[in-house]
Amino acid sequence: VLIDCPPSLNGLTRMAWTASNRVLLVAEPGLFSVAGTERTM
């Protein structure tokens, strides 16, 4: 099962994480995206 989440840490993403075994993070090799990935971790 693949869950395409919205790009935020509001209810839908948290709902998806609750239902998941694993989280796959996506990032571009750019400053803001790398910083965003660190926040997501």
All heavy atoms as atom14 arrays in JSON, in Angstrom:
{
  "sequence": "VLIDCPPSLNGLTRMAWTASNRVLLVAEPGLFSVAGTERTM",
  "atom14_mask": [
    [1, 1, 1, 1, 1, 1, 1, 0, 0, 0, 0, 0, 0, 0],
    [1, 1, 1, 1, 1, 1, 1, 1, 0, 0, 0, 0, 0, 0],
    [1, 1, 1, 1, 1, 1, 1, 1, 0, 0, 0, 0, 0, 0],
    [1, 1, 1, 1, 1, 1, 1, 1, 0, 0, 0, 0, 0, 0],
    [1, 1, 1, 1, 1, 1, 0, 0, 0, 0, 0, 0, 0, 0],
    [1, 1, 1, 1, 1, 1, 1, 0, 0, 0, 0, 0, 0, 0],
    [1, 1, 1, 1, 1, 1, 1, 0, 0, 0, 0, 0, 0, 0],
    [1, 1, 1, 1, 1, 1, 0, 0, 0, 0, 0, 0, 0, 0],
    [1, 1, 1, 1, 1, 1, 1, 1, 0, 0, 0, 0, 0, 0],
    [1, 1, 1, 1, 1, 1, 1, 1, 0, 0, 0, 0, 0, 0],
    [1, 1, 1, 1, 0, 0, 0, 0, 0, 0, 0, 0, 0, 0],
    [1, 1, 1, 1, 1, 1, 1, 1, 0, 0, 0, 0, 0, 0],
    [1, 1, 1, 1, 1, 1, 1, 0, 0, 0, 0, 0, 0, 0],
    [1, 1, 1, 1, 1, 1, 1, 1, 1, 1, 1, 0, 0, 0],
    [1, 1, 1, 1, 1, 1, 1, 1, 0, 0, 0, 0, 0, 0],
    [1, 1, 1, 1, 1, 0, 0, 0, 0, 0, 0, 0, 0, 0],
    [1, 1, 1, 1, 1, 1, 1, 1, 1, 1, 1, 1, 1, 1],
    [1, 1, 1, 1, 1, 1, 1, 0, 0, 0, 0, 0, 0, 0],
    [1, 1, 1, 1, 1, 0, 0, 0, 0, 0, 0, 0, 0, 0],
    [1, 1, 1, 1, 1, 1, 0, 0, 0, 0, 0, 0, 0, 0],
    [1, 1, 1, 1, 1, 1, 1, 1, 0, 0, 0, 0, 0, 0],
    [1, 1, 1, 1, 1, 1, 1, 1, 1, 1, 1, 0, 0, 0],
    [1, 1, 1, 1, 1, 1, 1, 0, 0, 0, 0, 0, 0, 0],
    [1, 1, 1, 1, 1, 1, 1, 1, 0, 0, 0, 0, 0, 0],
    [1, 1, 1, 1, 1, 1, 1, 1, 0, 0, 0, 0, 0, 0],
    [1, 1, 1, 1, 1, 1, 1, 0, 0, 0, 0, 0, 0, 0],
    [1, 1, 1, 1, 1, 0, 0, 0, 0, 0, 0, 0, 0, 0],
    [1, 1, 1, 1, 1, 1, 1, 1, 1, 0, 0, 0, 0, 0],
    [1, 1, 1, 1, 1, 1, 1, 0, 0, 0, 0, 0, 0, 0],
    [1, 1, 1, 1, 0, 0, 0, 0, 0, 0, 0, 0, 0, 0],
    [1, 1, 1, 1, 1, 1, 1, 1, 0, 0, 0, 0, 0, 0],
    [1, 1, 1, 1, 1, 1, 1, 1, 1, 1, 1, 0, 0, 0],
    [1, 1, 1, 1, 1, 1, 0, 0, 0, 0, 0, 0, 0, 0],
    [1, 1, 1, 1, 1, 1, 1, 0, 0, 0, 0, 0, 0, 0],
    [1, 1, 1, 1, 1, 0, 0, 0, 0, 0, 0, 0, 0, 0],
    [1, 1, 1, 1, 0, 0, 0, 0, 0, 0, 0, 0, 0, 0],
    [1, 1, 1, 1, 1, 1, 1, 0, 0, 0, 0, 0, 0, 0],
    [1, 1, 1, 1, 1, 1, 1, 1, 1, 0, 0, 0, 0, 0],
    [1, 1, 1, 1, 1, 1, 1, 1, 1, 1, 1, 0, 0, 0],
    [1, 1, 1, 1, 1, 1, 1, 0, 0, 0, 0, 0, 0, 0],
    [1, 1, 1, 1, 1, 1, 1, 1, 0, 0, 0, 0, 0, 0]
  ],
  "atom14_positions": [
    [[0.86, -1.18, 0.0], [0.0, 0.0, 0.0], [0.9, 1.22, 0.0], [1.77, 1.37, 0.86], [-0.93, 0.03, 1.23], [-1.78, 1.32, 1.22], [-1.84, -1.19, 1.26], [0.0, 0.0, 0.0], [0.0, 0.0, 0.0], [0.0, 0.0, 0.0], [0.0, 0.0, 0.0], [0.0, 0.0, 0.0], [0.0, 0.0, 0.0], [0.0, 0.0, 0.0]],
    [[0.71, 2.09, -0.98], [1.46, 3.35, -1.07], [0.51, 4.5, -0.74], [-0.54, 4.62, -1.36], [2.03, 3.54, -2.48], [2.99, 2.46, -2.98], [3.31, 2.69, -4.46], [4.28, 2.46, -2.16], [0.0, 0.0, 0.0], [0.0, 0.0, 0.0], [0.0, 0.0, 0.0], [0.0, 0.0, 0.0], [0.0, 0.0, 0.0], [0.0, 0.0, 0.0]],
    [[0.88, 5.34, 0.21], [0.05, 6.48, 0.6], [0.74, 7.76, 0.16], [1.83, 8.08, 0.64], [-0.2, 6.52, 2.12], [-0.76, 5.17, 2.61], [-1.15, 7.65, 2.47], [-0.91, 5.1, 4.13], [0.0, 0.0, 0.0], [0.0, 0.0, 0.0], [0.0, 0.0, 0.0], [0.0, 0.0, 0.0], [0.0, 0.0, 0.0], [0.0, 0.0, 0.0]],
    [[0.12, 8.47, -0.76], [0.65, 9.77, -1.21], [0.14, 10.83, -0.26], [-1.05, 11.15, -0.22], [0.2, 10.05, -2.64], [0.9, 11.26, -3.23], [2.06, 11.52, -2.84], [0.29, 11.95, -4.07], [0.0, 0.0, 0.0], [0.0, 0.0, 0.0], [0.0, 0.0, 0.0], [0.0, 0.0, 0.0], [0.0, 0.0, 0.0], [0.0, 0.0, 0.0]],
    [[1.05, 11.4, 0.54], [0.69, 12.36, 1.59], [0.77, 13.8, 1.09], [1.55, 14.1, 0.18], [1.62, 12.22, 2.79], [1.63, 10.58, 3.55], [0.0, 0.0, 0.0], [0.0, 0.0, 0.0], [0.0, 0.0, 0.0], [0.0, 0.0, 0.0], [0.0, 0.0, 0.0], [0.0, 0.0, 0.0], [0.0, 0.0, 0.0], [0.0, 0.0, 0.0]],
    [[0.01, 14.71, 1.69], [0.19, 16.13, 1.38], [1.51, 16.64, 1.96], [2.05, 16.03, 2.9], [-1.02, 16.79, 2.07], [-1.42, 15.85, 3.13], [-1.08, 14.47, 2.65], [0.0, 0.0, 0.0], [0.0, 0.0, 0.0], [0.0, 0.0, 0.0], [0.0, 0.0, 0.0], [0.0, 0.0, 0.0], [0.0, 0.0, 0.0], [0.0, 0.0, 0.0]],
    [[2.04, 17.74, 1.42], [3.34, 18.24, 1.89], [3.23, 19.1, 3.15], [3.58, 20.28, 3.16], [3.83, 19.06, 0.69], [2.56, 19.57, 0.06], [1.54, 18.47, 0.25], [0.0, 0.0, 0.0], [0.0, 0.0, 0.0], [0.0, 0.0, 0.0], [0.0, 0.0, 0.0], [0.0, 0.0, 0.0], [0.0, 0.0, 0.0], [0.0, 0.0, 0.0]],
    [[2.72, 18.51, 4.22], [2.56, 19.23, 5.48], [2.54, 18.22, 6.61], [2.38, 17.01, 6.38], [1.26, 20.04, 5.48], [0.14, 19.17, 5.48], [0.0, 0.0, 0.0], [0.0, 0.0, 0.0], [0.0, 0.0, 0.0], [0.0, 0.0, 0.0], [0.0, 0.0, 0.0], [0.0, 0.0, 0.0], [0.0, 0.0, 0.0], [0.0, 0.0, 0.0]],
    [[2.67, 18.7, 7.84], [2.6, 17.83, 9.0], [1.28, 18.05, 9.74], [1.22, 18.09, 10.96], [3.79, 18.06, 9.93], [3.98, 17.03, 11.07], [4.07, 15.63, 10.52], [5.19, 17.38, 11.89], [0.0, 0.0, 0.0], [0.0, 0.0, 0.0], [0.0, 0.0, 0.0], [0.0, 0.0, 0.0], [0.0, 0.0, 0.0], [0.0, 0.0, 0.0]],
    [[0.23, 18.21, 8.98], [-1.09, 18.33, 9.58], [-1.74, 16.95, 9.69], [-1.08, 15.93, 9.59], [-1.95, 19.31, 8.78], [-1.53, 20.75, 9.01], [-1.06, 21.11, 10.09], [-1.69, 21.59, 8.0], [0.0, 0.0, 0.0], [0.0, 0.0, 0.0], [0.0, 0.0, 0.0], [0.0, 0.0, 0.0], [0.0, 0.0, 0.0], [0.0, 0.0, 0.0]],
    [[-3.04, 16.93, 9.86], [-3.74, 15.71, 10.19], [-3.6, 14.58, 9.2], [-3.45, 13.42, 9.59], [0.0, 0.0, 0.0], [0.0, 0.0, 0.0], [0.0, 0.0, 0.0], [0.0, 0.0, 0.0], [0.0, 0.0, 0.0], [0.0, 0.0, 0.0], [0.0, 0.0, 0.0], [0.0, 0.0, 0.0], [0.0, 0.0, 0.0], [0.0, 0.0, 0.0]],
    [[-3.64, 14.86, 7.9], [-3.61, 13.79, 6.92], [-2.28, 13.05, 6.92], [-2.25, 11.81, 6.84], [-3.92, 14.35, 5.52], [-5.37, 14.77, 5.29], [-5.52, 15.45, 3.92], [-6.33, 13.59, 5.4], [0.0, 0.0, 0.0], [0.0, 0.0, 0.0], [0.0, 0.0, 0.0], [0.0, 0.0, 0.0], [0.0, 0.0, 0.0], [0.0, 0.0, 0.0]],
    [[-1.18, 13.76, 7.0], [0.12, 13.1, 7.05], [0.25, 12.28, 8.32], [0.71, 11.13, 8.29], [1.25, 14.13, 6.96], [1.22, 14.75, 5.67], [2.62, 13.48, 7.17], [0.0, 0.0, 0.0], [0.0, 0.0, 0.0], [0.0, 0.0, 0.0], [0.0, 0.0, 0.0], [0.0, 0.0, 0.0], [0.0, 0.0, 0.0], [0.0, 0.0, 0.0]],
    [[-0.19, 12.83, 9.43], [-0.11, 12.09, 10.7], [-1.04, 10.88, 10.68], [-0.74, 9.83, 11.25], [-0.42, 13.04, 11.85], [0.64, 14.13, 12.0], [0.16, 15.28, 12.87], [-0.01, 14.87, 14.24], [-1.05, 15.21, 14.99], [-2.03, 15.94, 14.47], [-1.13, 14.81, 16.23], [0.0, 0.0, 0.0], [0.0, 0.0, 0.0], [0.0, 0.0, 0.0]],
    [[-2.17, 11.0, 10.02], [-3.08, 9.87, 9.85], [-2.41, 8.77, 9.02], [-2.52, 7.57, 9.32], [-4.36, 10.36, 9.15], [-5.53, 9.4, 9.21], [-6.94, 10.07, 8.28], [-7.45, 11.42, 9.35], [0.0, 0.0, 0.0], [0.0, 0.0, 0.0], [0.0, 0.0, 0.0], [0.0, 0.0, 0.0], [0.0, 0.0, 0.0], [0.0, 0.0, 0.0]],
    [[-1.7, 9.18, 7.96], [-0.99, 8.22, 7.11], [0.12, 7.53, 7.9], [0.29, 6.3, 7.81], [-0.41, 8.93, 5.89], [0.0, 0.0, 0.0], [0.0, 0.0, 0.0], [0.0, 0.0, 0.0], [0.0, 0.0, 0.0], [0.0, 0.0, 0.0], [0.0, 0.0, 0.0], [0.0, 0.0, 0.0], [0.0, 0.0, 0.0], [0.0, 0.0, 0.0]],
    [[0.89, 8.29, 8.67], [1.97, 7.7, 9.45], [1.43, 6.7, 10.48], [2.04, 5.67, 10.72], [2.78, 8.79, 10.15], [3.6, 9.62, 9.22], [3.7, 9.49, 7.87], [4.44, 10.72, 9.59], [4.55, 10.45, 7.36], [5.02, 11.22, 8.39], [4.75, 11.35, 10.79], [5.9, 12.3, 8.38], [5.62, 12.43, 10.79], [6.19, 12.9, 9.59]],
    [[0.29, 7.0, 11.07], [-0.32, 6.09, 12.03], [-0.66, 4.75, 11.39], [-0.54, 3.7, 12.02], [-1.59, 6.72, 12.63], [-1.27, 7.96, 13.27], [-2.25, 5.8, 13.65], [0.0, 0.0, 0.0], [0.0, 0.0, 0.0], [0.0, 0.0, 0.0], [0.0, 0.0, 0.0], [0.0, 0.0, 0.0], [0.0, 0.0, 0.0], [0.0, 0.0, 0.0]],
    [[-1.06, 4.79, 10.12], [-1.48, 3.57, 9.41], [-0.31, 2.83, 8.76], [-0.51, 1.73, 8.24], [-2.5, 3.94, 8.33], [0.0, 0.0, 0.0], [0.0, 0.0, 0.0], [0.0, 0.0, 0.0], [0.0, 0.0, 0.0], [0.0, 0.0, 0.0], [0.0, 0.0, 0.0], [0.0, 0.0, 0.0], [0.0, 0.0, 0.0], [0.0, 0.0, 0.0]],
    [[0.89, 3.39, 8.79], [2.0, 2.86, 8.0], [2.98, 2.04, 8.81], [3.13, 2.21, 10.02], [2.77, 4.03, 7.34], [1.95, 4.71, 6.42], [0.0, 0.0, 0.0], [0.0, 0.0, 0.0], [0.0, 0.0, 0.0], [0.0, 0.0, 0.0], [0.0, 0.0, 0.0], [0.0, 0.0, 0.0], [0.0, 0.0, 0.0], [0.0, 0.0, 0.0]],
    [[3.67, 1.15, 8.1], [4.84, 0.47, 8.66], [6.09, 1.33, 8.5], [6.96, 1.32, 9.37], [5.1, -0.86, 7.95], [3.88, -1.75, 7.88], [3.37, -2.0, 6.79], [3.4, -2.21, 9.02], [0.0, 0.0, 0.0], [0.0, 0.0, 0.0], [0.0, 0.0, 0.0], [0.0, 0.0, 0.0], [0.0, 0.0, 0.0], [0.0, 0.0, 0.0]],
    [[6.15, 2.06, 7.36], [7.36, 2.79, 7.03], [7.01, 4.11, 6.35], [5.94, 4.26, 5.76], [8.24, 1.96, 6.09], [8.5, 0.55, 6.6], [9.2, -0.3, 5.57], [10.63, -0.03, 5.53], [11.45, -0.54, 4.65], [11.0, -1.35, 3.71], [12.73, -0.26, 4.68], [0.0, 0.0, 0.0], [0.0, 0.0, 0.0], [0.0, 0.0, 0.0]],
    [[7.96, 5.06, 6.45], [7.83, 6.34, 5.79], [9.01, 6.53, 4.84], [10.17, 6.41, 5.25], [7.8, 7.52, 6.79], [7.7, 8.85, 6.05], [6.65, 7.37, 7.77], [0.0, 0.0, 0.0], [0.0, 0.0, 0.0], [0.0, 0.0, 0.0], [0.0, 0.0, 0.0], [0.0, 0.0, 0.0], [0.0, 0.0, 0.0], [0.0, 0.0, 0.0]],
    [[8.71, 6.79, 3.58], [9.74, 7.08, 2.58], [9.73, 8.58, 2.32], [8.7, 9.15, 1.94], [9.46, 6.33, 1.28], [10.45, 6.54, 0.14], [11.8, 5.91, 0.49], [9.91, 5.94, -1.16], [0.0, 0.0, 0.0], [0.0, 0.0, 0.0], [0.0, 0.0, 0.0], [0.0, 0.0, 0.0], [0.0, 0.0, 0.0], [0.0, 0.0, 0.0]],
    [[10.87, 9.23, 2.54], [10.97, 10.68, 2.38], [11.52, 11.02, 1.01], [12.38, 10.32, 0.48], [11.87, 11.27, 3.46], [11.48, 10.96, 4.91], [12.45, 11.6, 5.88], [10.06, 11.45, 5.19], [0.0, 0.0, 0.0], [0.0, 0.0, 0.0], [0.0, 0.0, 0.0], [0.0, 0.0, 0.0], [0.0, 0.0, 0.0], [0.0, 0.0, 0.0]],
    [[11.01, 12.1, 0.44], [11.45, 12.56, -0.88], [12.04, 13.96, -0.73], [11.45, 14.83, -0.08], [10.27, 12.58, -1.88], [10.75, 13.04, -3.26], [9.62, 11.2, -1.97], [0.0, 0.0, 0.0], [0.0, 0.0, 0.0], [0.0, 0.0, 0.0], [0.0, 0.0, 0.0], [0.0, 0.0, 0.0], [0.0, 0.0, 0.0], [0.0, 0.0, 0.0]],
    [[13.2, 14.17, -1.35], [13.86, 15.47, -1.26], [14.56, 15.77, -2.57], [15.01, 14.87, -3.28], [14.87, 15.49, -0.12], [0.0, 0.0, 0.0], [0.0, 0.0, 0.0], [0.0, 0.0, 0.0], [0.0, 0.0, 0.0], [0.0, 0.0, 0.0], [0.0, 0.0, 0.0], [0.0, 0.0, 0.0], [0.0, 0.0, 0.0], [0.0, 0.0, 0.0]],
    [[14.66, 17.04, -2.88], [15.52, 17.51, -3.96], [16.87, 17.91, -3.36], [16.93, 18.31, -2.19], [14.9, 18.71, -4.67], [13.81, 18.37, -5.64], [13.36, 19.61, -6.41], [13.14, 20.66, -5.79], [13.25, 19.52, -7.64], [0.0, 0.0, 0.0], [0.0, 0.0, 0.0], [0.0, 0.0, 0.0], [0.0, 0.0, 0.0], [0.0, 0.0, 0.0]],
    [[17.96, 17.82, -4.13], [19.26, 18.25, -3.61], [19.4, 19.77, -3.64], [20.2, 20.33, -4.39], [20.25, 17.55, -4.55], [19.51, 17.37, -5.83], [18.08, 17.18, -5.46], [0.0, 0.0, 0.0], [0.0, 0.0, 0.0], [0.0, 0.0, 0.0], [0.0, 0.0, 0.0], [0.0, 0.0, 0.0], [0.0, 0.0, 0.0], [0.0, 0.0, 0.0]],
    [[18.58, 20.43, -2.84], [18.61, 21.88, -2.72], [18.55, 22.27, -1.25], [18.1, 21.49, -0.4], [0.0, 0.0, 0.0], [0.0, 0.0, 0.0], [0.0, 0.0, 0.0], [0.0, 0.0, 0.0], [0.0, 0.0, 0.0], [0.0, 0.0, 0.0], [0.0, 0.0, 0.0], [0.0, 0.0, 0.0], [0.0, 0.0, 0.0], [0.0, 0.0, 0.0]],
    [[18.98, 23.47, -0.92], [19.1, 23.91, 0.47], [17.79, 23.76, 1.23], [17.74, 23.16, 2.31], [19.57, 25.36, 0.51], [19.58, 26.02, 1.91], [20.54, 25.29, 2.83], [19.97, 27.5, 1.79], [0.0, 0.0, 0.0], [0.0, 0.0, 0.0], [0.0, 0.0, 0.0], [0.0, 0.0, 0.0], [0.0, 0.0, 0.0], [0.0, 0.0, 0.0]],
    [[16.69, 24.32, 0.7], [15.43, 24.32, 1.43], [14.86, 22.91, 1.58], [14.28, 22.56, 2.6], [14.42, 25.24, 0.74], [14.86, 26.67, 0.64], [14.66, 27.4, -0.51], [15.51, 27.27, 1.71], [15.09, 28.72, -0.6], [15.94, 28.59, 1.64], [15.74, 29.31, 0.47], [0.0, 0.0, 0.0], [0.0, 0.0, 0.0], [0.0, 0.0, 0.0]],
    [[15.04, 22.1, 0.55], [14.53, 20.73, 0.61], [15.32, 19.89, 1.6], [14.74, 19.1, 2.35], [14.59, 20.09, -0.78], [14.06, 18.79, -0.75], [0.0, 0.0, 0.0], [0.0, 0.0, 0.0], [0.0, 0.0, 0.0], [0.0, 0.0, 0.0], [0.0, 0.0, 0.0], [0.0, 0.0, 0.0], [0.0, 0.0, 0.0], [0.0, 0.0, 0.0]],
    [[16.62, 20.05, 1.64], [17.45, 19.31, 2.6], [17.07, 19.71, 4.02], [16.93, 18.85, 4.91], [18.95, 19.56, 2.34], [19.79, 18.92, 3.45], [19.35, 18.98, 0.99], [0.0, 0.0, 0.0], [0.0, 0.0, 0.0], [0.0, 0.0, 0.0], [0.0, 0.0, 0.0], [0.0, 0.0, 0.0], [0.0, 0.0, 0.0], [0.0, 0.0, 0.0]],
    [[16.88, 21.01, 4.25], [16.46, 21.47, 5.58], [15.09, 20.92, 5.93], [14.84, 20.52, 7.08], [16.45, 23.0, 5.61], [0.0, 0.0, 0.0], [0.0, 0.0, 0.0], [0.0, 0.0, 0.0], [0.0, 0.0, 0.0], [0.0, 0.0, 0.0], [0.0, 0.0, 0.0], [0.0, 0.0, 0.0], [0.0, 0.0, 0.0], [0.0, 0.0, 0.0]],
    [[14.2, 20.87, 4.95], [12.87, 20.31, 5.19], [12.92, 18.84, 5.53], [12.14, 18.34, 6.35], [0.0, 0.0, 0.0], [0.0, 0.0, 0.0], [0.0, 0.0, 0.0], [0.0, 0.0, 0.0], [0.0, 0.0, 0.0], [0.0, 0.0, 0.0], [0.0, 0.0, 0.0], [0.0, 0.0, 0.0], [0.0, 0.0, 0.0], [0.0, 0.0, 0.0]],
    [[13.83, 18.1, 4.9], [13.99, 16.68, 5.19], [14.48, 16.46, 6.6], [14.03, 15.56, 7.31], [14.96, 16.04, 4.18], [14.46, 16.24, 2.86], [15.11, 14.55, 4.44], [0.0, 0.0, 0.0], [0.0, 0.0, 0.0], [0.0, 0.0, 0.0], [0.0, 0.0, 0.0], [0.0, 0.0, 0.0], [0.0, 0.0, 0.0], [0.0, 0.0, 0.0]],
    [[15.4, 17.3, 7.04], [15.89, 17.2, 8.41], [14.76, 17.46, 9.41], [14.63, 16.76, 10.42], [17.03, 18.2, 8.63], [17.75, 18.01, 9.95], [18.95, 18.94, 10.09], [18.94, 20.02, 9.47], [19.89, 18.56, 10.81], [0.0, 0.0, 0.0], [0.0, 0.0, 0.0], [0.0, 0.0, 0.0], [0.0, 0.0, 0.0], [0.0, 0.0, 0.0]],
    [[13.9, 18.44, 9.1], [12.74, 18.7, 9.97], [11.79, 17.5, 9.99], [11.23, 17.15, 11.02], [11.99, 19.95, 9.5], [12.72, 21.25, 9.72], [11.77, 22.44, 9.58], [11.11, 22.48, 8.28], [11.6, 23.08, 7.21], [12.78, 23.67, 7.26], [10.92, 23.08, 6.07], [0.0, 0.0, 0.0], [0.0, 0.0, 0.0], [0.0, 0.0, 0.0]],
    [[11.61, 16.88, 8.81], [10.72, 15.73, 8.74], [11.26, 14.57, 9.56], [10.49, 13.87, 10.24], [10.55, 15.27, 7.28], [10.15, 16.38, 6.47], [9.48, 14.19, 7.17], [0.0, 0.0, 0.0], [0.0, 0.0, 0.0], [0.0, 0.0, 0.0], [0.0, 0.0, 0.0], [0.0, 0.0, 0.0], [0.0, 0.0, 0.0], [0.0, 0.0, 0.0]],
    [[12.56, 14.35, 9.53], [13.17, 13.29, 10.33], [12.91, 13.52, 11.82], [12.56, 12.58, 12.56], [14.68, 13.22, 10.06], [15.04, 12.79, 8.65], [14.74, 11.04, 8.36], [15.92, 10.31, 9.47], [0.0, 0.0, 0.0], [0.0, 0.0, 0.0], [0.0, 0.0, 0.0], [0.0, 0.0, 0.0], [0.0, 0.0, 0.0], [0.0, 0.0, 0.0]]
  ]
}
